[in-house]
Protein backbone atom coordinates (compact mmCIF):
# COMPACT_ATOMS: atom_id res chain seq x y z
CA MET A 1 -4.08 79.39 4.64
CA THR A 2 -5.53 81.61 1.93
CA ALA A 3 -5.72 84.52 4.37
CA CYS A 4 -2.02 84.08 5.20
CA ARG A 5 -1.11 84.11 1.52
CA ASN A 6 -3.17 87.24 0.93
CA LEU A 7 -1.54 88.95 3.89
CA ALA A 8 1.92 88.01 2.62
CA ALA A 9 1.04 89.37 -0.83
CA VAL A 10 -0.18 92.64 0.67
CA LEU A 11 2.94 93.02 2.79
CA LEU A 12 5.14 92.32 -0.24
CA ALA A 13 3.27 94.91 -2.30
CA ILE A 14 3.66 97.49 0.48
CA ALA A 15 7.38 96.76 0.75
CA LEU A 16 7.89 97.09 -3.01
CA ALA A 17 5.91 100.33 -3.07
CA ALA A 18 8.00 101.72 -0.23
CA LEU A 19 11.19 100.79 -2.05
CA ALA A 20 9.97 102.39 -5.26
CA ASN A 21 8.93 105.57 -3.42
CA ARG A 22 12.27 105.73 -1.62
CA ALA A 23 14.14 105.34 -4.89
CA ALA A 24 11.98 108.02 -6.52
CA THR A 25 12.63 110.43 -3.65
CA ALA A 26 16.36 109.87 -3.88
CA GLN A 27 16.21 110.38 -7.64
CA GLU A 28 14.48 113.74 -7.14
CA GLU A 29 17.23 114.85 -4.78
CA ALA A 30 20.18 113.67 -6.83
CA GLU A 31 20.90 111.81 -10.03
CA THR A 32 22.17 108.26 -9.81
CA PRO A 33 25.91 108.17 -10.56
CA PRO A 34 26.83 106.17 -13.67
CA ARG A 35 28.63 102.88 -13.25
CA LEU A 36 32.29 103.08 -14.20
CA THR A 37 34.84 100.44 -15.09
CA TRP A 38 37.40 99.73 -12.36
CA SER A 39 40.43 97.44 -12.38
CA PHE A 40 39.56 96.29 -8.84
CA ALA A 41 35.99 95.26 -9.67
CA GLY A 42 34.86 91.66 -9.68
CA PRO A 43 36.15 88.59 -7.82
CA PHE A 44 39.56 88.72 -9.52
CA GLY A 45 40.04 92.49 -9.70
CA LYS A 46 43.12 94.24 -8.37
CA TYR A 47 44.34 97.79 -8.03
CA ASP A 48 46.20 99.52 -10.86
CA GLU A 49 49.48 100.80 -9.39
CA GLY A 50 49.76 103.60 -11.93
CA GLN A 51 46.24 104.80 -11.19
CA LEU A 52 46.84 104.69 -7.44
CA GLN A 53 50.00 106.78 -7.82
CA ARG A 54 48.13 109.32 -9.93
CA GLY A 55 45.30 109.38 -7.40
CA PHE A 56 47.76 109.88 -4.56
CA LYS A 57 49.25 112.84 -6.43
CA VAL A 58 45.79 114.38 -6.80
CA TYR A 59 45.16 113.83 -3.09
CA ARG A 60 48.50 115.33 -2.08
CA GLU A 61 48.28 118.40 -4.30
CA VAL A 62 44.54 119.11 -4.02
CA CYS A 63 42.62 117.18 -1.37
CA ALA A 64 45.19 117.13 1.46
CA LYS A 65 44.76 120.87 2.01
CA CYS A 66 41.37 120.16 3.62
CA HIS A 67 40.92 116.41 4.04
CA GLY A 68 42.92 114.04 6.24
CA LEU A 69 43.73 110.33 5.97
CA LYS A 70 44.16 109.58 9.65
CA LEU A 71 43.82 105.79 9.32
CA LEU A 72 46.52 105.50 6.67
CA ALA A 73 50.21 105.34 7.60
CA PHE A 74 53.03 106.36 5.27
CA ARG A 75 54.40 102.81 5.40
CA ASN A 76 51.20 101.61 3.73
CA LEU A 77 52.31 103.31 0.51
CA ALA A 78 54.90 100.52 0.15
CA ASP A 79 52.58 97.64 1.06
CA PRO A 80 51.95 94.87 -1.51
CA GLY A 81 48.81 95.47 -3.56
CA GLY A 82 49.06 99.24 -3.11
CA PRO A 83 50.52 102.12 -5.13
CA GLY A 84 53.78 100.22 -5.61
CA TYR A 85 56.16 102.68 -3.96
CA SER A 86 59.40 101.34 -2.55
CA VAL A 87 60.22 101.76 1.14
CA ALA A 88 62.75 104.45 0.24
CA GLN A 89 60.16 106.32 -1.83
CA ALA A 90 57.59 106.12 0.95
CA LYS A 91 60.17 107.42 3.43
CA THR A 92 60.93 110.37 1.13
CA ILE A 93 57.20 111.14 0.80
CA ALA A 94 56.78 111.06 4.58
CA SER A 95 59.74 113.32 5.34
CA GLY A 96 58.71 115.82 2.66
CA TRP A 97 55.04 116.00 3.67
CA GLU A 98 53.56 119.48 3.87
CA TYR A 99 52.22 119.03 7.40
CA GLN A 100 54.54 117.97 10.18
CA VAL A 101 53.73 115.56 12.99
CA GLN A 102 53.30 116.80 16.54
CA ASP A 103 55.42 114.85 19.02
CA GLY A 104 56.56 115.10 22.58
CA PRO A 105 56.78 116.12 25.24
CA ASN A 106 60.53 116.73 25.10
CA GLU A 107 62.87 117.05 28.06
CA GLN A 108 61.46 120.50 28.78
CA GLY A 109 57.91 119.10 28.79
CA GLN A 110 56.95 120.83 25.56
CA MET A 111 55.32 119.45 22.44
CA PHE A 112 57.18 119.94 19.18
CA ASP A 113 56.75 119.36 15.46
CA ARG A 114 58.94 117.05 13.43
CA PRO A 115 58.99 115.55 9.92
CA ALA A 116 56.89 112.42 9.49
CA THR A 117 58.36 108.93 9.36
CA LEU A 118 57.08 105.68 7.87
CA ALA A 119 55.45 104.74 11.18
CA ASP A 120 53.38 107.93 11.33
CA HIS A 121 49.85 108.27 10.03
CA PHE A 122 49.02 111.05 7.61
CA PRO A 123 48.86 114.24 9.70
CA PRO A 124 45.59 116.21 9.56
CA PRO A 125 45.50 119.56 7.75
CA PHE A 126 43.89 121.22 10.79
CA ALA A 127 44.86 121.06 14.43
CA ASN A 128 41.30 120.41 15.59
CA VAL A 129 37.70 120.21 14.39
CA ALA A 130 36.85 123.75 15.50
CA LEU A 131 39.65 125.17 13.36
CA ALA A 132 38.56 123.01 10.43
CA LYS A 133 35.01 124.37 10.71
CA PHE A 134 36.18 127.96 11.01
CA ALA A 135 38.33 127.65 7.89
CA ASN A 136 35.58 126.03 5.83
CA GLY A 137 32.45 128.04 6.40
CA GLY A 138 31.25 126.19 9.48
CA VAL A 139 31.55 122.65 8.08
CA ALA A 140 34.57 120.47 8.84
CA PRO A 141 35.77 118.55 5.76
CA PRO A 142 35.39 114.80 6.36
CA ASP A 143 38.36 112.54 6.81
CA MET A 144 38.93 110.49 3.66
CA SER A 145 40.24 107.27 5.22
CA VAL A 146 37.07 105.25 4.62
CA LEU A 147 35.19 107.70 2.42
CA ALA A 148 34.96 105.26 -0.50
CA LYS A 149 33.20 102.71 1.72
CA ALA A 150 31.08 105.20 3.67
CA ARG A 151 29.75 107.24 0.76
CA THR A 152 27.36 105.36 -1.45
CA PHE A 153 23.96 105.67 -3.12
CA GLU A 154 20.80 103.62 -3.50
CA ARG A 155 19.98 102.14 -6.89
CA GLY A 156 16.48 101.13 -5.83
CA PHE A 157 14.40 98.12 -6.77
CA PRO A 158 15.21 95.82 -8.55
CA TRP A 159 18.83 96.90 -9.00
CA PHE A 160 19.89 96.20 -5.42
CA LEU A 161 18.96 92.55 -6.02
CA THR A 162 21.13 92.27 -9.12
CA ASP A 163 23.95 94.08 -7.29
CA ILE A 164 24.04 91.21 -4.81
CA LEU A 165 24.28 88.65 -7.59
CA ILE A 166 27.02 90.43 -9.57
CA GLN A 167 28.89 91.51 -6.41
CA TYR A 168 28.68 95.20 -7.28
CA GLN A 169 30.72 96.88 -4.53
CA GLU A 170 31.98 99.98 -6.31
CA GLN A 171 29.18 102.38 -5.35
CA GLY A 172 31.63 104.48 -3.31
CA PRO A 173 34.16 105.15 -6.10
CA ASP A 174 31.33 105.64 -8.61
CA TYR A 175 29.71 108.21 -6.32
CA ILE A 176 32.95 110.11 -5.57
CA ALA A 177 33.95 110.25 -9.25
CA ALA A 178 30.49 111.47 -10.24
CA LEU A 179 30.36 114.04 -7.44
CA LEU A 180 33.67 115.59 -8.48
CA LYS A 181 32.35 116.03 -12.02
CA GLY A 182 28.81 117.00 -11.01
CA TYR A 183 29.23 120.74 -10.40
CA GLU A 184 26.94 122.76 -12.66
CA THR A 185 24.98 125.96 -12.90
CA PRO A 186 21.63 125.42 -11.11
CA PRO A 187 18.86 124.70 -13.62
CA GLN A 188 16.16 127.26 -14.17
CA GLY A 189 13.80 127.44 -11.22
CA LYS A 190 16.22 125.70 -8.85
CA THR A 191 17.55 127.79 -5.96
CA ILE A 192 20.23 126.76 -3.48
CA ALA A 193 21.38 128.32 -0.22
CA LYS A 194 23.97 131.07 -0.26
CA GLY A 195 27.50 129.76 0.17
CA THR A 196 26.70 126.40 -1.44
CA PHE A 197 27.31 125.01 -4.92
CA TYR A 198 24.95 123.08 -7.15
CA ASN A 199 25.95 119.45 -7.72
CA ARG A 200 23.69 117.11 -9.65
CA TYR A 201 24.86 114.01 -7.73
CA PHE A 202 24.89 115.39 -4.19
CA PRO A 203 21.77 114.69 -2.08
CA GLY A 204 19.77 117.92 -2.04
CA ASN A 205 22.03 119.25 -4.82
CA ALA A 206 23.58 121.93 -2.54
CA ILE A 207 27.13 121.22 -1.36
CA LYS A 208 29.44 123.42 0.70
CA MET A 209 32.66 122.26 -0.99
CA PRO A 210 33.64 124.42 -3.98
CA PRO A 211 34.57 122.60 -7.19
CA PRO A 212 37.99 121.16 -6.23
CA LEU A 213 39.24 120.11 -9.66
CA ARG A 214 39.91 121.80 -12.98
CA ASP A 215 41.67 120.71 -16.14
CA GLY A 216 45.48 121.04 -16.01
CA GLN A 217 45.53 121.41 -12.22
CA VAL A 218 47.79 118.41 -11.57
CA THR A 219 50.62 117.36 -13.85
CA TYR A 220 50.96 113.61 -14.16
CA ASP A 221 54.29 111.86 -14.60
CA ASP A 222 52.88 109.46 -17.21
CA ASP A 223 50.85 110.08 -20.34
CA ALA A 224 47.46 110.14 -18.61
CA PRO A 225 45.33 113.17 -19.58
CA ALA A 226 45.31 116.06 -17.11
CA THR A 227 41.55 116.45 -17.09
CA VAL A 228 38.83 116.55 -14.44
CA GLU A 229 37.50 113.29 -15.90
CA GLN A 230 40.83 111.55 -15.26
CA TYR A 231 41.50 113.26 -11.91
CA SER A 232 38.12 112.23 -10.53
CA LYS A 233 38.57 108.59 -11.45
CA ASP A 234 42.16 108.40 -10.17
CA ILE A 235 41.43 109.97 -6.78
CA SER A 236 38.37 107.72 -6.41
CA ALA A 237 40.50 104.63 -7.02
CA PHE A 238 43.10 105.86 -4.51
CA LEU A 239 40.42 106.46 -1.87
CA MET A 240 39.06 102.97 -2.50
CA TRP A 241 42.52 101.58 -1.80
CA ALA A 242 42.84 103.76 1.32
CA ALA A 243 39.53 102.38 2.59
CA GLU A 244 40.35 98.77 1.71
CA PRO A 245 44.11 98.29 1.23
CA GLN A 246 43.85 94.50 1.66
CA LEU A 247 41.29 94.05 -1.11
CA THR A 248 43.63 92.06 -3.38
CA ALA A 249 44.71 89.76 -0.56
CA ARG A 250 41.09 89.27 0.52
CA LYS A 251 40.04 88.22 -2.96
CA ARG A 252 43.02 85.89 -3.33
CA ILE A 253 42.31 84.21 0.01
CA GLY A 254 38.62 83.95 -0.84
CA PHE A 255 39.44 82.21 -4.12
CA GLN A 256 41.82 79.81 -2.34
CA VAL A 257 39.14 79.01 0.22
CA MET A 258 36.61 78.24 -2.53
CA ILE A 259 39.09 75.89 -4.23
CA PHE A 260 39.76 74.20 -0.89
CA LEU A 261 36.04 73.74 -0.21
CA ILE A 262 35.46 72.23 -3.65
CA VAL A 263 38.36 69.79 -3.22
CA PHE A 264 37.27 69.01 0.35
CA ALA A 265 33.71 68.32 -0.77
CA GLY A 266 35.00 65.94 -3.44
CA LEU A 267 37.18 64.09 -0.95
CA MET A 268 34.28 63.78 1.49
CA TYR A 269 32.05 62.43 -1.26
CA PHE A 270 34.50 59.71 -2.30
CA THR A 271 35.27 58.91 1.34
CA LYS A 272 31.58 58.42 2.00
CA LYS A 273 31.30 56.17 -1.05
CA LYS A 274 34.22 54.03 0.14
CA VAL A 275 33.06 53.80 3.77
CA TRP A 276 29.53 52.77 2.84
CA HIS A 277 30.49 50.60 -0.11
CA ALA A 278 30.74 47.45 2.00
CA VAL A 279 27.40 48.18 3.66
CA GLU A 280 25.74 48.64 0.29
CA LEU A 281 27.16 45.29 -0.93
CA LYS A 282 26.01 43.52 2.24
CA HIS A 283 22.47 44.82 2.05
CA GLY A 284 22.35 45.01 -1.71
C-alpha cells in the first residue's frame, strides 16, 4: 500500500513538473495575453450589440480583404443575440458586399457572379487557396469563422484549474485582442526571419501578417474611440460571436435547465417523504 502511494506521489510530481516546464516553454516563446473584460463572459453574459456592429465594421473594412467567414451567412447578422441588424439592413449589407458570389451554371452552362443575398455565406476574398498563398507571401490567411474558439493559449499550472472553476472561456478573444496590439520592434539580440514581423504574443514571436490596424483607420458611427486598442477588442468580440452565435441562447437554456433540476429534485424529495411516510410510521 505504501509503495502504491509513493508511486502515485512520484507520478503526480512528474506530471506537475511537466506542466510547469510546458508553461515555461510557452512563456519563452510568447507572453501570456492579459485577461480582458467582456460583456459575454460568465454564466449570464451576453453580446453587446454596439460592440458587435463596430467589430463587424472593422472586419468589413480591414480583415475581409484577406480573411473569409465561410461559416457565417448574411442572414445571421439579423439573428437574435447578434449585432442587432434588421433583416432589411442585413439584405443591404449582403447586396453591397465587396466580393460577389459565384453562381450557376446558367442556361449557357457558364458560371457567373451575382450580388449576395441573405441566404449566401460570406464570400471568400480569394478564389482558391493557391491564389491566397500567392498573394500573401506563401501563407494563406486563415478563415475567421471559428478563429475565436480555435486560437487560444495555455495559462499553465495552477491557472487551468481555476479556469475550470470560474468558467473562463474567453482565451480566444483575449489572445486575438492581444495579438493585434502585440506588434513591436524586436528586442535587442532577438532576430526574426525575413518577411516576418515581431509580435510579443505570437508563438515564436515571428508572424507573417503585417500589423493590420492603426489609429484612425476605421471611423465608427458612435462615440467609441478610433484606436487600435478599441479596434482590437471590437473585432475580437465580433469573431467570438461569429464562432458562437448561439452563446446567449445556450446560457439561457442552461440556466433554465438548472432551475428545472433544482425544482425537480425538491419535488422528488417531498414525493419520497410522502411515499415512505406510512412505512416509517408502521415500523417506527
